[in-house]
Amino acid sequence: MVDYEIFELGDIVLQSGQTLRAAKMAYKTYGTLSAAKDNVIVYPCWYSGTHVENEWLIGPGLALDPEKYFIIIPNMFGNGLSTSASNTPAPYNGSRFPKITAYDNVAQQHRLVTEKFGITTIKLVTGWSMGALQTYHWGAMYPDMVERILPFQGSAKCSRHNFVFLEGVRSALMCDAAFMDGFYTEQPQKGLRAAARVYAGWGLSQEFYRIEADIQKMGYASLEDFLVGFWEGWLLSKDANNLLTMLWTWQNGDISNNPLYGGDYKKALAGIKAKAVVMPASTDLYFPPADNAIEVEHMPNAKLHVVDTYWGHFAGGPGTSPDDIKILDIALKELLAS
């Protein structure tokens, strides 16, 4: 039994010039669409995550309250539920799976919102990490449709430093002999475990490790226990080609790299009309607040709200830091009420 629905998209010509054939977008909705269709929240997924791993931010009494709002979580291409390398037949399987941008993802999410539900106005788009990347795209691509955005722990464009970090993850996955150029018969476990070790040094801050929060806050017996249980356990549950698909999407994330803005990054940021709250974490090693501050300078209706935390990137993760979740929830409530 699945807890999501499928929107049939047909054949899609991508920015890469490749075609995603018989494309499908998996999605789940929460709450009821109002008669005026004015209570819509779009909440895109993060790297490797599905709608299930977004649900920690949804619930009665929370900002994303399904008793008040109609919340749509579209699954990214490549996450294993929407069209992905892992569920595509030959010849477009494995390493031959097409290259997909955030622009491609959001353009098809827009089709879901408009064609399936007839929605013309979105009250809020929000998301963590790659969900934030898609949030920025929504604001820039559909400025007259999106009223508010709150991207948290993410950016509108993959920085050169962020790109380098992801090269480490990519190389670890592909260096496993079992990877077989993407045509493996079993998941490349050594590569997945190695990629998890790369991730572990970036996903959380120096202070997190200094105060031994893995032991004191998360209940692991030792650092090695944490690296195996949390990080390796996470990536071993994923498909390597799917991870590489989304990693390429992440590395090539740029709200200006499309026909609307022609590569003019400042123009793309200035094109976001939505009331925006940009929420980096003070210790995020992927998306430092300084990068977001530059973005906000060029957004006409935005403010920067830095979350002071030792949780690094995972301050916005799937329910890992209760204190930071409260801060995020309050900010979402204030933005929705504004």
C-alpha atoms as a PDB file:
ATOM      1  CA  MET A   1       0.000   0.000   0.000  1.00  0.00           C
ATOM      2  CA  VAL A   2       1.327   3.443  -0.915  1.00  0.00           C
ATOM      3  CA  ASP A   3       0.321   6.642   0.832  1.00  0.00           C
ATOM      4  CA  TYR A   4       0.809   8.939  -2.149  1.00  0.00           C
ATOM      5  CA  GLU A   5      -0.682   9.645  -5.556  1.00  0.00           C
ATOM      6  CA  ILE A   6       0.840   9.816  -9.024  1.00  0.00           C
ATOM      7  CA  PHE A   7       0.449  12.666 -11.509  1.00  0.00           C
ATOM      8  CA  GLU A   8       1.104  11.547 -15.077  1.00  0.00           C
ATOM      9  CA  LEU A   9       3.229  14.124 -16.909  1.00  0.00           C
ATOM     10  CA  GLY A  10       3.863  12.401 -20.226  1.00  0.00           C
ATOM     11  CA  ASP A  11       7.135  12.987 -22.102  1.00  0.00           C
ATOM     12  CA  ILE A  12       9.100  16.003 -20.850  1.00  0.00           C
ATOM     13  CA  VAL A  13      11.908  17.734 -22.723  1.00  0.00           C
ATOM     14  CA  LEU A  14      14.401  18.807 -20.073  1.00  0.00           C
ATOM     15  CA  GLN A  15      16.800  21.741 -19.895  1.00  0.00           C
ATOM     16  CA  SER A  16      19.602  19.273 -20.665  1.00  0.00           C
ATOM     17  CA  GLY A  17      18.036  18.549 -24.050  1.00  0.00           C
ATOM     18  CA  GLN A  18      17.161  15.035 -22.954  1.00  0.00           C
ATOM     19  CA  THR A  19      13.642  13.624 -22.667  1.00  0.00           C
ATOM     20  CA  LEU A  20      12.115  12.197 -19.514  1.00  0.00           C
ATOM     21  CA  ARG A  21       9.694   9.696 -21.006  1.00  0.00           C
ATOM     22  CA  ALA A  22       6.359   8.785 -19.441  1.00  0.00           C
ATOM     23  CA  ALA A  23       7.324  10.956 -16.473  1.00  0.00           C
ATOM     24  CA  LYS A  24       5.487  10.575 -13.187  1.00  0.00           C
ATOM     25  CA  MET A  25       5.383  12.849 -10.179  1.00  0.00           C
ATOM     26  CA  ALA A  26       4.562  11.279  -6.831  1.00  0.00           C
ATOM     27  CA  TYR A  27       2.859  13.647  -4.414  1.00  0.00           C
ATOM     28  CA  LYS A  28       0.838  13.703  -1.238  1.00  0.00           C
ATOM     29  CA  THR A  29      -1.634  16.285   0.017  1.00  0.00           C
ATOM     30  CA  TYR A  30      -2.635  17.135   3.578  1.00  0.00           C
ATOM     31  CA  GLY A  31      -5.799  18.991   4.540  1.00  0.00           C
ATOM     32  CA  THR A  32      -8.627  20.246   2.349  1.00  0.00           C
ATOM     33  CA  LEU A  33      -8.468  22.740  -0.494  1.00  0.00           C
ATOM     34  CA  SER A  34     -10.739  25.675   0.302  1.00  0.00           C
ATOM     35  CA  ALA A  35     -13.559  26.658  -2.049  1.00  0.00           C
ATOM     36  CA  ALA A  36     -11.613  29.788  -2.996  1.00  0.00           C
ATOM     37  CA  LYS A  37      -8.422  27.734  -3.431  1.00  0.00           C
ATOM     38  CA  ASP A  38      -6.551  30.277  -1.338  1.00  0.00           C
ATOM     39  CA  ASN A  39      -5.103  28.115   1.455  1.00  0.00           C
ATOM     40  CA  VAL A  40      -2.340  26.364  -0.490  1.00  0.00           C
ATOM     41  CA  ILE A  41       1.155  25.580   0.798  1.00  0.00           C
ATOM     42  CA  VAL A  42       3.736  23.865  -1.419  1.00  0.00           C
ATOM     43  CA  TYR A  43       6.463  22.050   0.526  1.00  0.00           C
ATOM     44  CA  PRO A  44       9.145  20.467  -1.727  1.00  0.00           C
ATOM     45  CA  CYS A  45      11.412  17.615  -0.620  1.00  0.00           C
ATOM     46  CA  TRP A  46      15.114  17.653   0.274  1.00  0.00           C
ATOM     47  CA  TYR A  47      18.084  15.642  -1.006  1.00  0.00           C
ATOM     48  CA  SER A  48      17.118  11.955  -0.923  1.00  0.00           C
ATOM     49  CA  GLY A  49      13.990  12.711   1.132  1.00  0.00           C
ATOM     50  CA  THR A  50      10.413  11.811   0.285  1.00  0.00           C
ATOM     51  CA  HIS A  51       7.107  13.292   1.432  1.00  0.00           C
ATOM     52  CA  VAL A  52       7.236  10.993   4.483  1.00  0.00           C
ATOM     53  CA  GLU A  53      10.457  12.648   5.614  1.00  0.00           C
ATOM     54  CA  ASN A  54       8.843  16.082   5.315  1.00  0.00           C
ATOM     55  CA  GLU A  55       5.924  15.272   7.585  1.00  0.00           C
ATOM     56  CA  TRP A  56       7.667  16.269  10.832  1.00  0.00           C
ATOM     57  CA  LEU A  57       6.774  19.901  10.090  1.00  0.00           C
ATOM     58  CA  ILE A  58       3.060  19.197   9.523  1.00  0.00           C
ATOM     59  CA  GLY A  59       0.395  18.767  12.201  1.00  0.00           C
ATOM     60  CA  PRO A  60      -2.477  20.311  14.178  1.00  0.00           C
ATOM     61  CA  GLY A  61      -1.360  23.447  15.975  1.00  0.00           C
ATOM     62  CA  LEU A  62       1.798  23.758  13.891  1.00  0.00           C
ATOM     63  CA  ALA A  63       2.290  26.423  11.234  1.00  0.00           C
ATOM     64  CA  LEU A  64       1.712  23.812   8.529  1.00  0.00           C
ATOM     65  CA  ASP A  65      -1.636  22.831   9.994  1.00  0.00           C
ATOM     66  CA  PRO A  66      -3.722  20.548   7.747  1.00  0.00           C
ATOM     67  CA  GLU A  67      -6.846  21.747   9.523  1.00  0.00           C
ATOM     68  CA  LYS A  68      -6.218  25.231   8.069  1.00  0.00           C
ATOM     69  CA  TYR A  69      -4.152  24.695   4.939  1.00  0.00           C
ATOM     70  CA  PHE A  70      -4.000  22.474   1.874  1.00  0.00           C
ATOM     71  CA  ILE A  71      -0.394  21.285   1.846  1.00  0.00           C
ATOM     72  CA  ILE A  72       1.128  19.700  -1.250  1.00  0.00           C
ATOM     73  CA  ILE A  73       4.406  17.789  -1.047  1.00  0.00           C
ATOM     74  CA  PRO A  74       5.751  16.991  -4.521  1.00  0.00           C
ATOM     75  CA  ASN A  75       8.522  14.384  -4.674  1.00  0.00           C
ATOM     76  CA  MET A  76      11.609  15.367  -6.638  1.00  0.00           C
ATOM     77  CA  PHE A  77      12.609  13.479  -9.737  1.00  0.00           C
ATOM     78  CA  GLY A  78      15.277  11.014  -8.696  1.00  0.00           C
ATOM     79  CA  ASN A  79      14.058  10.386  -5.146  1.00  0.00           C
ATOM     80  CA  GLY A  80      12.766   6.903  -5.948  1.00  0.00           C
ATOM     81  CA  LEU A  81       9.031   7.712  -5.930  1.00  0.00           C
ATOM     82  CA  SER A  82       8.777  10.184  -8.799  1.00  0.00           C
ATOM     83  CA  THR A  83      10.481   9.112 -12.037  1.00  0.00           C
ATOM     84  CA  SER A  84      14.015   8.065 -11.081  1.00  0.00           C
ATOM     85  CA  ALA A  85      16.969   6.023 -12.259  1.00  0.00           C
ATOM     86  CA  SER A  86      15.812   3.215  -9.977  1.00  0.00           C
ATOM     87  CA  ASN A  87      12.356   2.881 -11.560  1.00  0.00           C
ATOM     88  CA  THR A  88      13.119   3.690 -15.216  1.00  0.00           C
ATOM     89  CA  PRO A  89      13.520   0.850 -17.744  1.00  0.00           C
ATOM     90  CA  ALA A  90      16.383   0.533 -20.223  1.00  0.00           C
ATOM     91  CA  PRO A  91      17.840   2.276 -22.104  1.00  0.00           C
ATOM     92  CA  TYR A  92      17.395   5.274 -19.765  1.00  0.00           C
ATOM     93  CA  ASN A  93      18.187   3.408 -16.561  1.00  0.00           C
ATOM     94  CA  GLY A  94      21.340   3.531 -14.449  1.00  0.00           C
ATOM     95  CA  SER A  95      23.893   6.120 -15.477  1.00  0.00           C
ATOM     96  CA  ARG A  96      21.879   6.840 -18.636  1.00  0.00           C
ATOM     97  CA  PHE A  97      19.115   8.481 -16.611  1.00  0.00           C
ATOM     98  CA  PRO A  98      18.598  12.067 -17.860  1.00  0.00           C
ATOM     99  CA  LYS A  99      20.090  15.113 -16.155  1.00  0.00           C
ATOM    100  CA  ILE A 100      17.369  17.098 -14.367  1.00  0.00           C
ATOM    101  CA  THR A 101      17.545  20.636 -12.995  1.00  0.00           C
ATOM    102  CA  ALA A 102      15.614  22.297 -10.187  1.00  0.00           C
ATOM    103  CA  TYR A 103      13.952  24.357 -12.927  1.00  0.00           C
ATOM    104  CA  ASP A 104      12.716  21.111 -14.525  1.00  0.00           C
ATOM    105  CA  ASN A 105      11.367  19.909 -11.181  1.00  0.00           C
ATOM    106  CA  VAL A 106       9.512  23.115 -10.357  1.00  0.00           C
ATOM    107  CA  ALA A 107       8.074  23.518 -13.851  1.00  0.00           C
ATOM    108  CA  GLN A 108       6.433  20.105 -13.478  1.00  0.00           C
ATOM    109  CA  GLN A 109       5.350  20.826  -9.904  1.00  0.00           C
ATOM    110  CA  HIS A 110       3.614  23.904 -11.315  1.00  0.00           C
ATOM    111  CA  ARG A 111       1.761  21.629 -13.730  1.00  0.00           C
ATOM    112  CA  LEU A 112       0.636  19.472 -10.805  1.00  0.00           C
ATOM    113  CA  VAL A 113      -0.621  22.500  -8.874  1.00  0.00           C
ATOM    114  CA  THR A 114      -2.404  24.138 -11.804  1.00  0.00           C
ATOM    115  CA  GLU A 115      -3.585  21.230 -13.960  1.00  0.00           C
ATOM    116  CA  LYS A 116      -4.529  18.793 -11.216  1.00  0.00           C
ATOM    117  CA  PHE A 117      -5.988  21.235  -8.689  1.00  0.00           C
ATOM    118  CA  GLY A 118      -6.734  24.415 -10.667  1.00  0.00           C
ATOM    119  CA  ILE A 119      -4.777  26.529  -8.195  1.00  0.00           C
ATOM    120  CA  THR A 120      -3.746  30.044  -9.225  1.00  0.00           C
ATOM    121  CA  THR A 121      -2.432  31.452  -5.941  1.00  0.00           C
ATOM    122  CA  ILE A 122      -0.017  29.883  -3.455  1.00  0.00           C
ATOM    123  CA  LYS A 123       0.007  31.267   0.067  1.00  0.00           C
ATOM    124  CA  LEU A 124       3.436  29.862   0.932  1.00  0.00           C
ATOM    125  CA  VAL A 125       6.268  27.792  -0.485  1.00  0.00           C
ATOM    126  CA  THR A 126       8.807  26.474   2.018  1.00  0.00           C
ATOM    127  CA  GLY A 127      11.481  23.821   2.152  1.00  0.00           C
ATOM    128  CA  TRP A 128      14.748  22.657   3.668  1.00  0.00           C
ATOM    129  CA  SER A 129      18.058  22.277   1.808  1.00  0.00           C
ATOM    130  CA  MET A 130      17.213  21.198  -1.767  1.00  0.00           C
ATOM    131  CA  GLY A 131      13.629  21.975  -0.782  1.00  0.00           C
ATOM    132  CA  ALA A 132      14.857  25.547  -0.234  1.00  0.00           C
ATOM    133  CA  LEU A 133      16.470  25.535  -3.697  1.00  0.00           C
ATOM    134  CA  GLN A 134      13.082  24.635  -5.162  1.00  0.00           C
ATOM    135  CA  THR A 135      11.413  27.272  -2.972  1.00  0.00           C
ATOM    136  CA  TYR A 136      13.592  29.986  -4.505  1.00  0.00           C
ATOM    137  CA  HIS A 137      12.759  28.639  -7.961  1.00  0.00           C
ATOM    138  CA  TRP A 138       9.029  28.857  -7.240  1.00  0.00           C
ATOM    139  CA  GLY A 139       9.442  32.504  -6.228  1.00  0.00           C
ATOM    140  CA  ALA A 140      11.512  33.420  -9.270  1.00  0.00           C
ATOM    141  CA  MET A 141       9.648  31.363 -11.874  1.00  0.00           C
ATOM    142  CA  TYR A 142       6.107  32.237 -10.740  1.00  0.00           C
ATOM    143  CA  PRO A 143       6.379  35.612  -8.999  1.00  0.00           C
ATOM    144  CA  ASP A 144       2.730  36.563  -9.552  1.00  0.00           C
ATOM    145  CA  MET A 145       1.486  33.267  -8.123  1.00  0.00           C
ATOM    146  CA  VAL A 146       3.566  32.842  -4.959  1.00  0.00           C
ATOM    147  CA  GLU A 147       2.703  35.179  -2.072  1.00  0.00           C
ATOM    148  CA  ARG A 148       5.288  34.075   0.496  1.00  0.00           C
ATOM    149  CA  ILE A 149       8.417  31.963   0.641  1.00  0.00           C
ATOM    150  CA  LEU A 150      10.504  30.674   3.537  1.00  0.00           C
ATOM    151  CA  PRO A 151      13.575  28.769   2.364  1.00  0.00           C
ATOM    152  CA  PHE A 152      15.517  27.353   5.303  1.00  0.00           C
ATOM    153  CA  GLN A 153      19.108  26.099   5.266  1.00  0.00           C
ATOM    154  CA  GLY A 154      19.407  26.329   1.489  1.00  0.00           C
ATOM    155  CA  SER A 155      20.367  28.695  -1.313  1.00  0.00           C
ATOM    156  CA  ALA A 156      19.189  30.013  -4.650  1.00  0.00           C
ATOM    157  CA  LYS A 157      22.377  28.850  -6.348  1.00  0.00           C
ATOM    158  CA  CYS A 158      24.910  26.155  -5.528  1.00  0.00           C
ATOM    159  CA  SER A 159      28.076  27.897  -4.385  1.00  0.00           C
ATOM    160  CA  ARG A 160      31.510  26.823  -5.607  1.00  0.00           C
ATOM    161  CA  HIS A 161      32.361  25.630  -2.073  1.00  0.00           C
ATOM    162  CA  ASN A 162      29.151  23.605  -1.874  1.00  0.00           C
ATOM    163  CA  PHE A 163      29.926  22.125  -5.302  1.00  0.00           C
ATOM    164  CA  VAL A 164      33.298  20.901  -4.020  1.00  0.00           C
ATOM    165  CA  PHE A 165      31.731  19.204  -1.001  1.00  0.00           C
ATOM    166  CA  LEU A 166      29.355  17.351  -3.305  1.00  0.00           C
ATOM    167  CA  GLU A 167      32.264  16.228  -5.474  1.00  0.00           C
ATOM    168  CA  GLY A 168      33.487  14.281  -2.449  1.00  0.00           C
ATOM    169  CA  VAL A 169      30.131  12.543  -2.084  1.00  0.00           C
ATOM    170  CA  ARG A 170      29.942  11.792  -5.805  1.00  0.00           C
ATOM    171  CA  SER A 171      33.466  10.409  -5.967  1.00  0.00           C
ATOM    172  CA  ALA A 172      32.936   8.170  -2.945  1.00  0.00           C
ATOM    173  CA  LEU A 173      29.844   6.626  -4.528  1.00  0.00           C
ATOM    174  CA  MET A 174      31.454   6.061  -7.906  1.00  0.00           C
ATOM    175  CA  CYS A 175      34.833   4.748  -6.696  1.00  0.00           C
ATOM    176  CA  ASP A 176      33.335   1.531  -5.345  1.00  0.00           C
ATOM    177  CA  ALA A 177      34.155  -1.249  -7.849  1.00  0.00           C
ATOM    178  CA  ALA A 178      30.634  -2.573  -7.281  1.00  0.00           C
ATOM    179  CA  PHE A 179      29.236   0.640  -8.787  1.00  0.00           C
ATOM    180  CA  MET A 180      30.064  -0.704 -12.272  1.00  0.00           C
ATOM    181  CA  ASP A 181      29.601   2.654 -13.999  1.00  0.00           C
ATOM    182  CA  GLY A 182      26.060   2.854 -12.657  1.00  0.00           C
ATOM    183  CA  PHE A 183      24.924  -0.538 -13.923  1.00  0.00           C
ATOM    184  CA  TYR A 184      25.332  -2.381 -10.635  1.00  0.00           C
ATOM    185  CA  THR A 185      23.345  -5.492  -9.771  1.00  0.00           C
ATOM    186  CA  GLU A 186      23.526  -4.774  -6.030  1.00  0.00           C
ATOM    187  CA  GLN A 187      23.860  -1.455  -4.251  1.00  0.00           C
ATOM    188  CA  PRO A 188      27.519  -0.380  -3.908  1.00  0.00           C
ATOM    189  CA  GLN A 189      27.619  -0.580  -0.131  1.00  0.00           C
ATOM    190  CA  LYS A 190      31.245   0.445   0.277  1.00  0.00           C
ATOM    191  CA  GLY A 191      30.586   3.551  -1.795  1.00  0.00           C
ATOM    192  CA  LEU A 192      27.425   4.405   0.106  1.00  0.00           C
ATOM    193  CA  ARG A 193      29.209   3.990   3.436  1.00  0.00           C
ATOM    194  CA  ALA A 194      32.139   6.102   2.235  1.00  0.00           C
ATOM    195  CA  ALA A 195      29.770   8.831   1.011  1.00  0.00           C
ATOM    196  CA  ALA A 196      28.106   8.792   4.434  1.00  0.00           C
ATOM    197  CA  ARG A 197      31.489   9.436   6.085  1.00  0.00           C
ATOM    198  CA  VAL A 198      32.053  12.399   3.773  1.00  0.00           C
ATOM    199  CA  TYR A 199      28.609  13.749   4.626  1.00  0.00           C
ATOM    200  CA  ALA A 200      29.159  13.357   8.377  1.00  0.00           C
ATOM    201  CA  GLY A 201      31.827  16.048   8.462  1.00  0.00           C
ATOM    202  CA  TRP A 202      29.595  18.557   6.697  1.00  0.00           C
ATOM    203  CA  GLY A 203      26.036  17.975   7.867  1.00  0.00           C
ATOM    204  CA  LEU A 204      26.735  18.981  11.457  1.00  0.00           C
ATOM    205  CA  SER A 205      28.931  21.684  12.930  1.00  0.00           C
ATOM    206  CA  GLN A 206      32.296  21.639  14.673  1.00  0.00           C
ATOM    207  CA  GLU A 207      30.545  22.629  17.889  1.00  0.00           C
ATOM    208  CA  PHE A 208      28.109  19.717  17.550  1.00  0.00           C
ATOM    209  CA  TYR A 209      31.019  17.317  17.662  1.00  0.00           C
ATOM    210  CA  ARG A 210      32.955  19.353  20.244  1.00  0.00           C
ATOM    211  CA  ILE A 211      30.160  19.062  22.816  1.00  0.00           C
ATOM    212  CA  GLU A 212      29.518  15.432  21.826  1.00  0.00           C
ATOM    213  CA  ALA A 213      25.898  16.112  20.921  1.00  0.00           C
ATOM    214  CA  ASP A 214      25.824  12.784  19.083  1.00  0.00           C
ATOM    215  CA  ILE A 215      26.187  11.139  22.486  1.00  0.00           C
ATOM    216  CA  GLN A 216      24.593  13.715  24.792  1.00  0.00           C
ATOM    217  CA  LYS A 217      21.581  14.637  22.627  1.00  0.00           C
ATOM    218  CA  MET A 218      21.072  11.762  20.210  1.00  0.00           C
ATOM    219  CA  GLY A 219      21.856   8.825  22.456  1.00  0.00           C
ATOM    220  CA  TYR A 220      24.680   7.165  20.542  1.00  0.00           C
ATOM    221  CA  ALA A 221      27.326   5.328  22.577  1.00  0.00           C
ATOM    222  CA  SER A 222      30.331   6.733  20.738  1.00  0.00           C
ATOM    223  CA  LEU A 223      31.403   8.701  17.680  1.00  0.00           C
ATOM    224  CA  GLU A 224      31.840   5.503  15.669  1.00  0.00           C
ATOM    225  CA  ASP A 225      28.400   4.332  16.758  1.00  0.00           C
ATOM    226  CA  PHE A 226      26.996   7.627  15.452  1.00  0.00           C
ATOM    227  CA  LEU A 227      28.851   7.474  12.136  1.00  0.00           C
ATOM    228  CA  VAL A 228      27.579   3.972  11.464  1.00  0.00           C
ATOM    229  CA  GLY A 229      24.100   4.240  12.968  1.00  0.00           C
ATOM    230  CA  PHE A 230      23.058   7.703  11.807  1.00  0.00           C
ATOM    231  CA  TRP A 231      25.087   8.478   8.700  1.00  0.00           C
ATOM    232  CA  GLU A 232      25.733   5.079   7.157  1.00  0.00           C
ATOM    233  CA  GLY A 233      22.237   3.960   8.110  1.00  0.00           C
ATOM    234  CA  TRP A 234      20.790   6.932   6.208  1.00  0.00           C
ATOM    235  CA  LEU A 235      22.634   6.433   2.930  1.00  0.00           C
ATOM    236  CA  LEU A 236      22.425   2.638   2.915  1.00  0.00           C
ATOM    237  CA  SER A 237      18.659   3.031   2.619  1.00  0.00           C
ATOM    238  CA  LYS A 238      19.069   4.895  -0.696  1.00  0.00           C
ATOM    239  CA  ASP A 239      19.798   3.964  -4.300  1.00  0.00           C
ATOM    240  CA  ALA A 240      23.205   5.160  -5.533  1.00  0.00           C
ATOM    241  CA  ASN A 241      22.035   6.270  -8.987  1.00  0.00           C
ATOM    242  CA  ASN A 242      19.142   8.157  -7.447  1.00  0.00           C
ATOM    243  CA  LEU A 243      21.558   9.939  -5.123  1.00  0.00           C
ATOM    244  CA  LEU A 244      23.745  10.881  -8.079  1.00  0.00           C
ATOM    245  CA  THR A 245      20.723  12.159 -10.016  1.00  0.00           C
ATOM    246  CA  MET A 246      19.728  14.503  -7.213  1.00  0.00           C
ATOM    247  CA  LEU A 247      23.346  15.444  -6.534  1.00  0.00           C
ATOM    248  CA  TRP A 248      23.662  16.677 -10.133  1.00  0.00           C
ATOM    249  CA  THR A 249      20.436  18.636  -9.671  1.00  0.00           C
ATOM    250  CA  TRP A 250      21.895  20.201  -6.523  1.00  0.00           C
ATOM    251  CA  GLN A 251      25.276  21.036  -8.051  1.00  0.00           C
ATOM    252  CA  ASN A 252      23.583  22.702 -11.013  1.00  0.00           C
ATOM    253  CA  GLY A 253      21.035  24.591  -8.925  1.00  0.00           C
ATOM    254  CA  ASP A 254      20.731  28.204 -10.087  1.00  0.00           C
ATOM    255  CA  ILE A 255      17.485  30.211 -10.218  1.00  0.00           C
ATOM    256  CA  SER A 256      18.859  32.310 -13.075  1.00  0.00           C
ATOM    257  CA  ASN A 257      19.942  29.477 -15.391  1.00  0.00           C
ATOM    258  CA  ASN A 258      16.781  29.409 -17.482  1.00  0.00           C
ATOM    259  CA  PRO A 259      15.075  31.286 -20.337  1.00  0.00           C
ATOM    260  CA  LEU A 260      13.392  33.686 -17.893  1.00  0.00           C
ATOM    261  CA  TYR A 261      16.602  35.229 -16.576  1.00  0.00           C
ATOM    262  CA  GLY A 262      19.316  34.148 -19.003  1.00  0.00           C
ATOM    263  CA  GLY A 263      21.918  33.583 -16.298  1.00  0.00           C
ATOM    264  CA  ASP A 264      21.458  36.994 -14.626  1.00  0.00           C
ATOM    265  CA  TYR A 265      21.506  35.914 -10.974  1.00  0.00           C
ATOM    266  CA  LYS A 266      20.780  39.330  -9.464  1.00  0.00           C
ATOM    267  CA  LYS A 267      17.878  39.816 -11.864  1.00  0.00           C
ATOM    268  CA  ALA A 268      16.428  36.456 -10.846  1.00  0.00           C
ATOM    269  CA  LEU A 269      16.623  37.336  -7.155  1.00  0.00           C
ATOM    270  CA  ALA A 270      15.064  40.724  -7.849  1.00  0.00           C
ATOM    271  CA  GLY A 271      12.275  38.955  -9.716  1.00  0.00           C
ATOM    272  CA  ILE A 272      11.023  37.288  -6.534  1.00  0.00           C
ATOM    273  CA  LYS A 273       8.011  39.376  -5.519  1.00  0.00           C
ATOM    274  CA  ALA A 274       6.942  37.135  -2.632  1.00  0.00           C
ATOM    275  CA  LYS A 275       7.299  38.265   0.943  1.00  0.00           C
ATOM    276  CA  ALA A 276      10.318  36.239   1.986  1.00  0.00           C
ATOM    277  CA  VAL A 277      12.011  35.112   5.164  1.00  0.00           C
ATOM    278  CA  VAL A 278      15.358  33.446   4.473  1.00  0.00           C
ATOM    279  CA  MET A 279      16.477  31.264   7.403  1.00  0.00           C
ATOM    280  CA  PRO A 280      20.035  29.977   7.440  1.00  0.00           C
ATOM    281  CA  ALA A 281      21.577  28.226  10.422  1.00  0.00           C
ATOM    282  CA  SER A 282      24.510  30.060  12.011  1.00  0.00           C
ATOM    283  CA  THR A 283      26.766  26.984  11.763  1.00  0.00           C
ATOM    284  CA  ASP A 284      25.621  25.528   8.438  1.00  0.00           C
ATOM    285  CA  LEU A 285      28.706  24.426   6.495  1.00  0.00           C
ATOM    286  CA  TYR A 286      26.789  23.970   3.215  1.00  0.00           C
ATOM    287  CA  PHE A 287      24.859  27.215   3.196  1.00  0.00           C
ATOM    288  CA  PRO A 288      26.543  29.807   5.446  1.00  0.00           C
ATOM    289  CA  PRO A 289      24.502  32.875   6.411  1.00  0.00           C
ATOM    290  CA  ALA A 290      26.873  35.144   4.473  1.00  0.00           C
ATOM    291  CA  ASP A 291      25.704  33.565   1.214  1.00  0.00           C
ATOM    292  CA  ASN A 292      22.062  34.094   2.122  1.00  0.00           C
ATOM    293  CA  ALA A 293      22.755  37.694   3.164  1.00  0.00           C
ATOM    294  CA  ILE A 294      23.939  38.396  -0.392  1.00  0.00           C
ATOM    295  CA  GLU A 295      20.725  36.889  -1.755  1.00  0.00           C
ATOM    296  CA  VAL A 296      18.514  38.966   0.522  1.00  0.00           C
ATOM    297  CA  GLU A 297      20.280  42.159  -0.607  1.00  0.00           C
ATOM    298  CA  HIS A 298      18.854  41.605  -4.087  1.00  0.00           C
ATOM    299  CA  MET A 299      15.372  40.387  -3.098  1.00  0.00           C
ATOM    300  CA  PRO A 300      12.862  43.265  -2.922  1.00  0.00           C
ATOM    301  CA  ASN A 301      10.701  41.942  -0.088  1.00  0.00           C
ATOM    302  CA  ALA A 302      12.960  39.720   2.015  1.00  0.00           C
ATOM    303  CA  LYS A 303      14.550  39.605   5.421  1.00  0.00           C
ATOM    304  CA  LEU A 304      17.317  37.430   6.819  1.00  0.00           C
ATOM    305  CA  HIS A 305      16.616  35.450   9.991  1.00  0.00           C
ATOM    306  CA  VAL A 306      19.714  33.573  11.155  1.00  0.00           C
ATOM    307  CA  VAL A 307      19.023  30.702  13.554  1.00  0.00           C
ATOM    308  CA  ASP A 308      21.703  30.552  16.263  1.00  0.00           C
ATOM    309  CA  THR A 309      22.381  26.831  16.637  1.00  0.00           C
ATOM    310  CA  TYR A 310      25.122  24.205  16.908  1.00  0.00           C
ATOM    311  CA  TRP A 311      23.161  21.742  14.753  1.00  0.00           C
ATOM    312  CA  GLY A 312      24.653  22.999  11.506  1.00  0.00           C
ATOM    313  CA  HIS A 313      22.747  22.053   8.380  1.00  0.00           C
ATOM    314  CA  PHE A 314      20.578  19.634  10.302  1.00  0.00           C
ATOM    315  CA  ALA A 315      19.002  22.444  12.298  1.00  0.00           C
ATOM    316  CA  GLY A 316      16.303  22.111   9.638  1.00  0.00           C
ATOM    317  CA  GLY A 317      16.569  18.360   9.276  1.00  0.00           C
ATOM    318  CA  PRO A 318      13.759  15.863   9.698  1.00  0.00           C
ATOM    319  CA  GLY A 319      12.965  16.569  13.311  1.00  0.00           C
ATOM    320  CA  THR A 320      16.497  16.276  14.709  1.00  0.00           C
ATOM    321  CA  SER A 321      16.647  19.532  16.704  1.00  0.00           C
ATOM    322  CA  PRO A 322      13.438  20.311  18.667  1.00  0.00           C
ATOM    323  CA  ASP A 323      14.592  23.771  19.763  1.00  0.00           C
ATOM    324  CA  ASP A 324      15.333  24.856  16.205  1.00  0.00           C
ATOM    325  CA  ILE A 325      12.056  23.381  14.992  1.00  0.00           C
ATOM    326  CA  LYS A 326      10.187  25.654  17.415  1.00  0.00           C
ATOM    327  CA  ILE A 327      12.000  28.707  16.027  1.00  0.00           C
ATOM    328  CA  LEU A 328      11.186  27.654  12.470  1.00  0.00           C
ATOM    329  CA  ASP A 329       7.546  26.982  13.315  1.00  0.00           C
ATOM    330  CA  ILE A 330       7.154  30.414  14.916  1.00  0.00           C
ATOM    331  CA  ALA A 331       8.702  32.091  11.855  1.00  0.00           C
ATOM    332  CA  LEU A 332       6.360  30.196   9.529  1.00  0.00           C
ATOM    333  CA  LYS A 333       3.336  31.203  11.632  1.00  0.00           C
ATOM    334  CA  GLU A 334       4.374  34.861  11.618  1.00  0.00           C
ATOM    335  CA  LEU A 335       4.942  34.831   7.863  1.00  0.00           C
ATOM    336  CA  LEU A 336       1.604  33.149   7.170  1.00  0.00           C
ATOM    337  CA  ALA A 337      -0.183  35.656   9.415  1.00  0.00           C
ATOM    338  CA  SER A 338       1.498  38.660   7.779  1.00  0.00           C
END
